[in-house]
Structures are given as structure tokens and as C-alpha cells.
Amino acid sequence: MNMKTRGITLVVCLVFLALLSILGVSALTSSTFHEKMTANTLQREVAFQAADTALRDGERWIDAQIAAPTAVSTCTTPPCRVWQAGVLPDLSTQSLAWWQINGTPFSSALGLNIANTPYYIIEFILFAPDNLDPATTATGIGTYFYRITSYAVGPTTDSQSIVQSVYATRYN
């Protein structure tokens, strides 16, 4: 083998090693990126599940009432259970501290890895009487509509979820 052939072989091997190194670094970067995406998706899903559980807790509370609860426009001793519609600020922009003061905490322990207790707020939207007879309207016979909004965080407070539903029930 002459000297020229050995030199070309060395150059080809070095280029091949450089290409393999680039492919290895690219695969490592890609898998790290996908791992971060998966972790973020998991945190978002845990926050959503916690918020949905708190939402269902609020619905169960409304369902357990024998008579329509009184809605308040101001709350002197938080947390207040039912608010009048239109008196609360935009709930999607409120901080965790605001929810801790004004919201109702979830009533039991969750089996989720979350950084904080989920909270919910119930707002009375409207009463729809069964008919327009004043006697029927005065007795409260009809359907009551409530908006329930819940807030929860995931494993870190960076992952937050707000879920909302409208719940209808009858008390008579």
C-alpha cells in the first residue's frame, strides 16, 4: 500500500466519524426535545384533570342542595359558595392567591401529583320558571342555571388549567 492510499483512507475515516458524530448529536437533541414536550403534555394533562375534578365537585355540591342557595354579590367571609353573575372579575386572569382567597377548595384528597389544591367558583346565572304564571314564578318552580369555573395547577405552578361548565338543576 502506498502512502497516498493510506492518506485517503485516513481522510475518509475521519469524514465518516464526523458524520456519525453529527448524527449522534442530532438524535440526542431530538430525543431531549421530545422528552421535554412529553413532560409538558403530562403536566398540562394533570392540571386539566385536577381542574375537571374540582368542577365536578362543584356540580355535586349544587346537586346536594335541597333548596336554591342564595347568591351573593360581595363576600364578607370567604370562600362564598354561590356568587351572582357579573360581579366577579375575569376568572381566567386571576392568580393562584386570588383563587385561594375567593374559591372553594376541592373537598377531598386527589391521587394526582399536583402542586396545590384545585378550587372552584359557582355563579348563579338565571332562573327559568316552568311557565310565566306569577304564582309559579314566585314559588321557584323551574330550572336554576349555574356557571362553575375551576382552577388547578399541575405538578408545578407553571402548568395551570381553568375549566368551566354550565349546570342546570331543579330544587322542587
N, C-alpha and C. Protein backbone atom coordinates (compact mmCIF):
# COMPACT_ATOMS: atom_id res chain seq x y z
N MET A 1 0.86 -1.17 0.00
CA MET A 1 0.00 0.00 0.00
C MET A 1 0.90 1.23 0.00
N ASN A 2 0.61 2.12 -0.86
CA ASN A 2 1.46 3.30 -0.91
C ASN A 2 0.96 4.37 0.04
N MET A 3 1.74 5.37 0.19
CA MET A 3 1.48 6.45 1.15
C MET A 3 0.23 7.25 0.79
N LYS A 4 -0.03 7.41 -0.50
CA LYS A 4 -1.19 8.18 -0.95
C LYS A 4 -2.49 7.47 -0.55
N THR A 5 -2.54 6.15 -0.70
CA THR A 5 -3.73 5.38 -0.36
C THR A 5 -4.01 5.45 1.13
N ARG A 6 -2.96 5.35 1.96
CA ARG A 6 -3.16 5.44 3.40
C ARG A 6 -3.68 6.81 3.81
N GLY A 7 -3.28 7.84 3.16
CA GLY A 7 -3.74 9.19 3.47
C GLY A 7 -5.21 9.39 3.11
N ILE A 8 -5.62 8.85 1.98
CA ILE A 8 -7.02 8.96 1.58
C ILE A 8 -7.90 8.15 2.53
N THR A 9 -7.45 6.97 2.93
CA THR A 9 -8.20 6.14 3.86
C THR A 9 -8.39 6.88 5.19
N LEU A 10 -7.36 7.54 5.64
CA LEU A 10 -7.46 8.30 6.88
C LEU A 10 -8.47 9.44 6.76
N VAL A 11 -8.43 10.15 5.65
CA VAL A 11 -9.37 11.26 5.44
C VAL A 11 -10.80 10.73 5.35
N VAL A 12 -11.04 9.65 4.64
CA VAL A 12 -12.38 9.07 4.51
C VAL A 12 -12.89 8.63 5.89
N CYS A 13 -12.04 7.99 6.68
CA CYS A 13 -12.44 7.54 8.02
C CYS A 13 -12.78 8.74 8.91
N LEU A 14 -12.01 9.81 8.84
CA LEU A 14 -12.27 11.00 9.65
C LEU A 14 -13.59 11.67 9.24
N VAL A 15 -13.85 11.74 7.95
CA VAL A 15 -15.12 12.31 7.47
C VAL A 15 -16.29 11.43 7.93
N PHE A 16 -16.12 10.11 7.83
CA PHE A 16 -17.16 9.19 8.27
C PHE A 16 -17.41 9.33 9.78
N LEU A 17 -16.38 9.44 10.58
CA LEU A 17 -16.53 9.65 12.01
C LEU A 17 -17.21 10.98 12.33
N ALA A 18 -16.89 12.02 11.57
CA ALA A 18 -17.52 13.33 11.78
C ALA A 18 -19.02 13.25 11.48
N LEU A 19 -19.38 12.55 10.39
CA LEU A 19 -20.80 12.39 10.04
C LEU A 19 -21.54 11.59 11.12
N LEU A 20 -20.94 10.54 11.63
CA LEU A 20 -21.55 9.75 12.69
C LEU A 20 -21.72 10.58 13.96
N SER A 21 -20.76 11.43 14.27
CA SER A 21 -20.86 12.29 15.45
C SER A 21 -22.01 13.29 15.29
N ILE A 22 -22.12 13.87 14.10
CA ILE A 22 -23.21 14.82 13.83
C ILE A 22 -24.56 14.12 13.96
N LEU A 23 -24.69 12.92 13.42
CA LEU A 23 -25.94 12.16 13.53
C LEU A 23 -26.26 11.82 14.99
N GLY A 24 -25.27 11.46 15.75
CA GLY A 24 -25.48 11.14 17.17
C GLY A 24 -25.93 12.34 17.97
N VAL A 25 -25.30 13.49 17.76
CA VAL A 25 -25.69 14.71 18.46
C VAL A 25 -27.10 15.13 18.05
N SER A 26 -27.42 14.99 16.76
CA SER A 26 -28.75 15.34 16.27
C SER A 26 -29.81 14.43 16.91
N ALA A 27 -29.55 13.15 17.00
CA ALA A 27 -30.51 12.22 17.61
C ALA A 27 -30.68 12.52 19.09
N LEU A 28 -29.60 12.86 19.77
CA LEU A 28 -29.67 13.19 21.20
C LEU A 28 -30.49 14.47 21.41
N THR A 29 -30.26 15.48 20.60
CA THR A 29 -31.00 16.74 20.70
C THR A 29 -32.48 16.51 20.44
N SER A 30 -32.78 15.71 19.43
CA SER A 30 -34.18 15.42 19.09
C SER A 30 -34.87 14.67 20.22
N SER A 31 -34.22 13.67 20.79
CA SER A 31 -34.87 12.91 21.86
C SER A 31 -35.04 13.75 23.11
N THR A 32 -34.11 14.66 23.41
CA THR A 32 -34.25 15.57 24.55
C THR A 32 -35.44 16.50 24.33
N PHE A 33 -35.58 17.01 23.12
CA PHE A 33 -36.70 17.89 22.79
C PHE A 33 -38.03 17.16 22.95
N HIS A 34 -38.10 15.92 22.46
CA HIS A 34 -39.33 15.14 22.58
C HIS A 34 -39.64 14.80 24.03
N GLU A 35 -38.61 14.56 24.83
CA GLU A 35 -38.83 14.28 26.25
C GLU A 35 -39.40 15.50 26.96
N LYS A 36 -38.92 16.69 26.63
CA LYS A 36 -39.46 17.92 27.23
C LYS A 36 -40.91 18.14 26.80
N MET A 37 -41.21 17.87 25.53
CA MET A 37 -42.59 18.01 25.05
C MET A 37 -43.51 17.05 25.78
N THR A 38 -43.08 15.83 26.00
CA THR A 38 -43.89 14.84 26.71
C THR A 38 -44.11 15.25 28.15
N ALA A 39 -43.08 15.76 28.81
CA ALA A 39 -43.22 16.21 30.20
C ALA A 39 -44.20 17.38 30.29
N ASN A 40 -44.14 18.31 29.35
CA ASN A 40 -45.07 19.45 29.34
C ASN A 40 -46.51 18.98 29.10
N THR A 41 -46.68 18.03 28.20
CA THR A 41 -48.02 17.50 27.94
C THR A 41 -48.57 16.80 29.19
N LEU A 42 -47.72 16.06 29.87
CA LEU A 42 -48.15 15.39 31.10
C LEU A 42 -48.56 16.40 32.16
N GLN A 43 -47.76 17.46 32.34
CA GLN A 43 -48.11 18.49 33.33
C GLN A 43 -49.43 19.17 32.98
N ARG A 44 -49.62 19.48 31.71
CA ARG A 44 -50.86 20.11 31.28
C ARG A 44 -52.06 19.19 31.51
N GLU A 45 -51.89 17.91 31.23
CA GLU A 45 -52.97 16.95 31.41
C GLU A 45 -53.31 16.76 32.89
N VAL A 46 -52.30 16.73 33.75
CA VAL A 46 -52.55 16.60 35.19
C VAL A 46 -53.30 17.83 35.70
N ALA A 47 -52.91 19.02 35.26
CA ALA A 47 -53.62 20.24 35.66
C ALA A 47 -55.06 20.21 35.19
N PHE A 48 -55.29 19.76 33.96
CA PHE A 48 -56.66 19.67 33.43
C PHE A 48 -57.48 18.67 34.24
N GLN A 49 -56.92 17.51 34.54
CA GLN A 49 -57.66 16.50 35.32
C GLN A 49 -58.02 17.03 36.71
N ALA A 50 -57.10 17.76 37.34
CA ALA A 50 -57.38 18.33 38.66
C ALA A 50 -58.49 19.38 38.57
N ALA A 51 -58.45 20.24 37.54
CA ALA A 51 -59.48 21.26 37.37
C ALA A 51 -60.83 20.62 37.07
N ASP A 52 -60.84 19.58 36.25
CA ASP A 52 -62.09 18.90 35.93
C ASP A 52 -62.67 18.22 37.17
N THR A 53 -61.83 17.66 38.01
CA THR A 53 -62.29 17.03 39.26
C THR A 53 -62.91 18.07 40.18
N ALA A 54 -62.28 19.24 40.29
CA ALA A 54 -62.85 20.31 41.13
C ALA A 54 -64.18 20.79 40.55
N LEU A 55 -64.27 20.87 39.23
CA LEU A 55 -65.52 21.27 38.58
C LEU A 55 -66.64 20.30 38.95
N ARG A 56 -66.37 19.02 38.88
CA ARG A 56 -67.38 18.01 39.24
C ARG A 56 -67.73 18.10 40.73
N ASP A 57 -66.79 18.48 41.57
CA ASP A 57 -67.05 18.67 42.99
C ASP A 57 -68.07 19.80 43.19
N GLY A 58 -67.92 20.89 42.44
CA GLY A 58 -68.89 21.99 42.50
C GLY A 58 -70.26 21.57 42.02
N GLU A 59 -70.31 20.77 40.97
CA GLU A 59 -71.60 20.27 40.47
C GLU A 59 -72.26 19.37 41.51
N ARG A 60 -71.48 18.51 42.16
CA ARG A 60 -72.04 17.64 43.20
C ARG A 60 -72.57 18.47 44.37
N TRP A 61 -71.89 19.56 44.71
CA TRP A 61 -72.35 20.41 45.81
C TRP A 61 -73.70 21.02 45.46
N ILE A 62 -73.84 21.55 44.25
CA ILE A 62 -75.12 22.13 43.83
C ILE A 62 -76.20 21.05 43.87
N ASP A 63 -75.89 19.89 43.37
CA ASP A 63 -76.85 18.80 43.31
C ASP A 63 -77.29 18.35 44.71
N ALA A 64 -76.43 18.49 45.70
CA ALA A 64 -76.75 18.05 47.06
C ALA A 64 -77.64 19.04 47.82
N GLN A 65 -77.84 20.24 47.29
CA GLN A 65 -78.65 21.25 47.98
C GLN A 65 -80.13 20.91 47.85
N ILE A 66 -80.85 21.13 48.94
CA ILE A 66 -82.29 20.85 48.96
C ILE A 66 -83.07 22.03 48.38
N ALA A 67 -82.61 23.24 48.64
CA ALA A 67 -83.22 24.46 48.12
C ALA A 67 -82.16 25.27 47.41
N ALA A 68 -82.60 26.19 46.56
CA ALA A 68 -81.65 27.03 45.82
C ALA A 68 -80.81 27.86 46.78
N PRO A 69 -79.49 27.77 46.69
CA PRO A 69 -78.65 28.57 47.58
C PRO A 69 -78.72 30.05 47.20
N THR A 70 -78.52 30.91 48.20
CA THR A 70 -78.56 32.35 47.98
C THR A 70 -77.24 32.80 47.36
N ALA A 71 -77.34 33.51 46.25
CA ALA A 71 -76.15 34.05 45.59
C ALA A 71 -75.80 35.40 46.19
N VAL A 72 -74.51 35.65 46.38
CA VAL A 72 -74.06 36.91 46.98
C VAL A 72 -73.36 37.77 45.94
N SER A 73 -73.37 39.08 46.18
CA SER A 73 -72.64 40.00 45.30
C SER A 73 -71.32 40.41 45.94
N THR A 74 -71.23 40.34 47.26
CA THR A 74 -69.98 40.58 47.97
C THR A 74 -69.81 39.47 49.00
N CYS A 75 -68.59 39.16 49.29
CA CYS A 75 -68.31 38.06 50.20
C CYS A 75 -67.57 38.59 51.42
N THR A 76 -68.19 38.52 52.58
CA THR A 76 -67.55 39.01 53.79
C THR A 76 -66.68 37.95 54.46
N THR A 77 -67.03 36.67 54.28
CA THR A 77 -66.26 35.58 54.87
C THR A 77 -65.97 34.54 53.80
N PRO A 78 -64.86 34.71 53.06
CA PRO A 78 -64.54 33.75 52.00
C PRO A 78 -64.26 32.36 52.58
N PRO A 79 -64.45 31.31 51.82
CA PRO A 79 -64.99 31.35 50.46
C PRO A 79 -66.52 31.35 50.49
N CYS A 80 -67.11 32.10 49.62
CA CYS A 80 -68.56 32.12 49.48
C CYS A 80 -68.93 31.06 48.43
N ARG A 81 -69.99 30.34 48.67
CA ARG A 81 -70.33 29.21 47.81
C ARG A 81 -70.91 29.61 46.47
N VAL A 82 -71.85 30.57 46.45
CA VAL A 82 -72.51 30.93 45.20
C VAL A 82 -72.49 32.45 45.04
N TRP A 83 -72.02 32.90 43.88
CA TRP A 83 -71.93 34.32 43.55
C TRP A 83 -73.00 34.67 42.54
N GLN A 84 -73.41 35.95 42.55
CA GLN A 84 -74.30 36.44 41.49
C GLN A 84 -73.47 36.60 40.22
N ALA A 85 -74.08 36.40 39.09
CA ALA A 85 -73.38 36.54 37.81
C ALA A 85 -72.99 37.99 37.60
N GLY A 86 -71.83 38.18 37.03
CA GLY A 86 -71.39 39.53 36.65
C GLY A 86 -70.68 40.32 37.73
N VAL A 87 -70.52 39.78 38.93
CA VAL A 87 -69.85 40.56 39.98
C VAL A 87 -68.37 40.19 40.14
N LEU A 88 -67.98 39.06 39.62
CA LEU A 88 -66.59 38.62 39.73
C LEU A 88 -65.76 39.16 38.57
N PRO A 89 -64.45 39.31 38.79
CA PRO A 89 -63.59 39.74 37.67
C PRO A 89 -63.41 38.58 36.68
N ASP A 90 -62.69 38.83 35.62
CA ASP A 90 -62.39 37.79 34.63
C ASP A 90 -61.60 36.68 35.32
N LEU A 91 -62.20 35.52 35.50
CA LEU A 91 -61.59 34.45 36.28
C LEU A 91 -60.35 33.85 35.60
N SER A 92 -60.25 33.99 34.29
CA SER A 92 -59.11 33.42 33.58
C SER A 92 -57.82 34.18 33.83
N THR A 93 -57.91 35.39 34.38
CA THR A 93 -56.70 36.19 34.61
C THR A 93 -56.31 36.25 36.09
N GLN A 94 -57.02 35.54 36.95
CA GLN A 94 -56.75 35.64 38.38
C GLN A 94 -55.60 34.70 38.78
N SER A 95 -54.86 35.13 39.79
CA SER A 95 -53.70 34.38 40.27
C SER A 95 -54.13 33.25 41.21
N LEU A 96 -53.19 32.38 41.51
CA LEU A 96 -53.45 31.31 42.47
C LEU A 96 -53.83 31.89 43.82
N ALA A 97 -53.18 32.98 44.23
CA ALA A 97 -53.51 33.61 45.52
C ALA A 97 -54.97 34.09 45.53
N TRP A 98 -55.46 34.66 44.44
CA TRP A 98 -56.85 35.10 44.36
C TRP A 98 -57.79 33.91 44.51
N TRP A 99 -57.49 32.80 43.82
CA TRP A 99 -58.33 31.61 43.91
C TRP A 99 -58.32 31.05 45.32
N GLN A 100 -57.18 31.09 46.00
CA GLN A 100 -57.10 30.58 47.36
C GLN A 100 -57.97 31.39 48.31
N ILE A 101 -58.12 32.68 48.07
CA ILE A 101 -58.95 33.54 48.93
C ILE A 101 -60.43 33.42 48.57
N ASN A 102 -60.77 33.42 47.30
CA ASN A 102 -62.16 33.52 46.84
C ASN A 102 -62.80 32.20 46.41
N GLY A 103 -62.00 31.22 46.06
CA GLY A 103 -62.56 29.97 45.57
C GLY A 103 -62.84 28.99 46.70
N THR A 104 -63.62 27.98 46.37
CA THR A 104 -63.90 26.89 47.30
C THR A 104 -62.92 25.77 46.99
N PRO A 105 -62.15 25.30 47.98
CA PRO A 105 -61.18 24.24 47.69
C PRO A 105 -61.86 22.91 47.44
N PHE A 106 -61.21 22.08 46.67
CA PHE A 106 -61.69 20.72 46.41
C PHE A 106 -61.85 20.01 47.75
N SER A 107 -62.92 19.23 47.88
CA SER A 107 -63.33 18.73 49.19
C SER A 107 -62.55 17.53 49.72
N SER A 108 -61.76 16.86 48.91
CA SER A 108 -61.01 15.71 49.42
C SER A 108 -59.65 15.63 48.74
N ALA A 109 -58.88 14.62 49.10
CA ALA A 109 -57.54 14.47 48.54
C ALA A 109 -57.60 13.90 47.13
N LEU A 110 -56.69 14.36 46.31
CA LEU A 110 -56.59 13.85 44.94
C LEU A 110 -55.41 12.90 44.86
N GLY A 111 -55.50 11.91 44.03
CA GLY A 111 -54.39 10.99 43.82
C GLY A 111 -53.43 11.47 42.76
N LEU A 112 -53.49 12.75 42.44
CA LEU A 112 -52.63 13.32 41.40
C LEU A 112 -51.44 14.03 42.04
N ASN A 113 -50.35 14.09 41.33
CA ASN A 113 -49.18 14.82 41.78
C ASN A 113 -49.34 16.29 41.38
N ILE A 114 -49.99 17.07 42.25
CA ILE A 114 -50.23 18.48 41.94
C ILE A 114 -49.58 19.36 43.00
N ALA A 115 -49.23 20.57 42.59
CA ALA A 115 -48.52 21.49 43.48
C ALA A 115 -49.45 22.19 44.46
N ASN A 116 -50.76 22.24 44.17
CA ASN A 116 -51.70 22.96 45.01
C ASN A 116 -53.10 22.37 44.90
N THR A 117 -53.94 22.66 45.88
CA THR A 117 -55.32 22.22 45.87
C THR A 117 -56.09 22.91 44.75
N PRO A 118 -56.94 22.20 44.00
CA PRO A 118 -57.79 22.85 43.00
C PRO A 118 -58.94 23.61 43.68
N TYR A 119 -59.44 24.65 43.02
CA TYR A 119 -60.52 25.48 43.55
C TYR A 119 -61.61 25.63 42.50
N TYR A 120 -62.83 25.94 42.99
CA TYR A 120 -63.92 26.23 42.06
C TYR A 120 -64.75 27.38 42.60
N ILE A 121 -65.45 28.02 41.66
CA ILE A 121 -66.37 29.12 41.98
C ILE A 121 -67.67 28.84 41.26
N ILE A 122 -68.78 29.05 41.97
CA ILE A 122 -70.12 28.84 41.39
C ILE A 122 -70.78 30.21 41.25
N GLU A 123 -71.32 30.48 40.07
CA GLU A 123 -72.07 31.72 39.83
C GLU A 123 -73.50 31.35 39.42
N PHE A 124 -74.46 32.00 40.06
CA PHE A 124 -75.86 31.82 39.68
C PHE A 124 -76.09 32.63 38.41
N ILE A 125 -76.58 31.98 37.36
CA ILE A 125 -76.80 32.67 36.08
C ILE A 125 -78.24 33.14 35.96
N LEU A 126 -79.19 32.20 36.05
CA LEU A 126 -80.59 32.60 35.92
C LEU A 126 -81.52 31.50 36.39
N PHE A 127 -82.75 31.92 36.64
CA PHE A 127 -83.84 31.01 36.98
C PHE A 127 -84.83 31.02 35.83
N ALA A 128 -85.19 29.86 35.32
CA ALA A 128 -86.16 29.74 34.23
C ALA A 128 -87.39 29.02 34.79
N PRO A 129 -88.47 29.79 35.05
CA PRO A 129 -89.67 29.15 35.59
C PRO A 129 -90.30 28.21 34.57
N ASP A 130 -91.06 27.24 35.08
CA ASP A 130 -91.71 26.29 34.19
C ASP A 130 -92.74 26.96 33.29
N ASN A 131 -93.42 27.98 33.82
CA ASN A 131 -94.34 28.77 32.99
C ASN A 131 -94.31 30.20 33.51
N LEU A 132 -94.95 31.08 32.82
CA LEU A 132 -94.89 32.50 33.17
C LEU A 132 -95.98 32.95 34.14
N ASP A 133 -96.70 32.01 34.70
CA ASP A 133 -97.71 32.33 35.70
C ASP A 133 -97.00 32.92 36.92
N PRO A 134 -97.37 34.13 37.38
CA PRO A 134 -96.70 34.75 38.52
C PRO A 134 -96.69 33.88 39.77
N ALA A 135 -97.74 33.09 39.98
CA ALA A 135 -97.77 32.22 41.16
C ALA A 135 -96.68 31.14 41.07
N THR A 136 -96.48 30.59 39.89
CA THR A 136 -95.44 29.58 39.69
C THR A 136 -94.05 30.20 39.84
N THR A 137 -93.86 31.36 39.27
CA THR A 137 -92.56 32.04 39.35
C THR A 137 -92.22 32.35 40.80
N ALA A 138 -93.18 32.80 41.57
CA ALA A 138 -92.94 33.16 42.98
C ALA A 138 -92.57 31.95 43.82
N THR A 139 -93.05 30.77 43.46
CA THR A 139 -92.74 29.58 44.26
C THR A 139 -91.39 28.98 43.91
N GLY A 140 -90.77 29.46 42.85
CA GLY A 140 -89.45 28.95 42.48
C GLY A 140 -89.48 27.63 41.76
N ILE A 141 -90.61 27.30 41.14
CA ILE A 141 -90.71 26.04 40.41
C ILE A 141 -90.14 26.26 39.01
N GLY A 142 -89.04 25.58 38.72
CA GLY A 142 -88.39 25.74 37.44
C GLY A 142 -86.95 25.25 37.50
N THR A 143 -86.15 25.72 36.56
CA THR A 143 -84.77 25.27 36.44
C THR A 143 -83.82 26.42 36.81
N TYR A 144 -82.82 26.08 37.59
CA TYR A 144 -81.79 27.04 38.02
C TYR A 144 -80.51 26.72 37.26
N PHE A 145 -79.88 27.76 36.72
CA PHE A 145 -78.66 27.59 35.94
C PHE A 145 -77.48 28.22 36.69
N TYR A 146 -76.39 27.47 36.75
CA TYR A 146 -75.17 27.92 37.42
C TYR A 146 -73.98 27.74 36.49
N ARG A 147 -73.05 28.68 36.57
CA ARG A 147 -71.78 28.56 35.85
C ARG A 147 -70.74 28.18 36.90
N ILE A 148 -70.04 27.09 36.67
CA ILE A 148 -69.00 26.65 37.59
C ILE A 148 -67.66 26.79 36.86
N THR A 149 -66.73 27.45 37.51
CA THR A 149 -65.39 27.63 36.96
C THR A 149 -64.40 27.05 37.96
N SER A 150 -63.48 26.24 37.47
CA SER A 150 -62.48 25.67 38.37
C SER A 150 -61.08 25.99 37.88
N TYR A 151 -60.17 26.02 38.84
CA TYR A 151 -58.77 26.37 38.58
C TYR A 151 -57.89 25.34 39.26
N ALA A 152 -56.88 24.86 38.56
CA ALA A 152 -55.94 23.91 39.16
C ALA A 152 -54.58 24.08 38.52
N VAL A 153 -53.58 23.65 39.25
CA VAL A 153 -52.22 23.61 38.72
C VAL A 153 -51.78 22.15 38.64
N GLY A 154 -50.75 21.91 37.86
CA GLY A 154 -50.21 20.56 37.73
C GLY A 154 -49.10 20.33 38.74
N PRO A 155 -48.12 19.51 38.37
CA PRO A 155 -47.01 19.23 39.28
C PRO A 155 -46.20 20.47 39.64
N THR A 156 -46.22 21.48 38.77
CA THR A 156 -45.61 22.77 39.08
C THR A 156 -46.65 23.85 38.85
N THR A 157 -46.46 25.01 39.42
CA THR A 157 -47.42 26.10 39.22
C THR A 157 -47.33 26.70 37.83
N ASP A 158 -46.36 26.26 37.02
CA ASP A 158 -46.26 26.73 35.64
C ASP A 158 -47.36 26.14 34.76
N SER A 159 -47.86 24.98 35.13
CA SER A 159 -48.93 24.35 34.35
C SER A 159 -50.26 24.62 35.07
N GLN A 160 -51.10 25.42 34.44
CA GLN A 160 -52.37 25.82 35.02
C GLN A 160 -53.50 25.47 34.06
N SER A 161 -54.67 25.19 34.65
CA SER A 161 -55.83 24.86 33.82
C SER A 161 -57.07 25.49 34.44
N ILE A 162 -57.91 26.06 33.58
CA ILE A 162 -59.20 26.60 34.01
C ILE A 162 -60.27 25.93 33.16
N VAL A 163 -61.27 25.36 33.84
CA VAL A 163 -62.34 24.64 33.16
C VAL A 163 -63.66 25.25 33.61
N GLN A 164 -64.63 25.30 32.71
CA GLN A 164 -65.91 25.92 33.04
C GLN A 164 -67.05 25.09 32.47
N SER A 165 -68.17 25.05 33.23
CA SER A 165 -69.36 24.37 32.74
C SER A 165 -70.59 25.15 33.19
N VAL A 166 -71.70 24.88 32.54
CA VAL A 166 -72.99 25.41 32.98
C VAL A 166 -73.80 24.21 33.45
N TYR A 167 -74.31 24.33 34.67
CA TYR A 167 -75.02 23.23 35.31
C TYR A 167 -76.45 23.67 35.60
N ALA A 168 -77.40 22.85 35.20
CA ALA A 168 -78.82 23.14 35.43
C ALA A 168 -79.40 22.12 36.39
N THR A 169 -80.25 22.60 37.31
CA THR A 169 -80.88 21.70 38.28
C THR A 169 -82.23 22.25 38.70
N ARG A 170 -83.00 21.39 39.34
CA ARG A 170 -84.29 21.78 39.89
C ARG A 170 -84.25 21.49 41.38
N TYR A 171 -84.89 22.32 42.17
CA TYR A 171 -84.92 22.13 43.61
C TYR A 171 -86.31 21.74 44.12
N ASN A 172 -87.24 21.50 43.26
CA ASN A 172 -88.60 21.19 43.69
C ASN A 172 -89.16 20.02 42.95
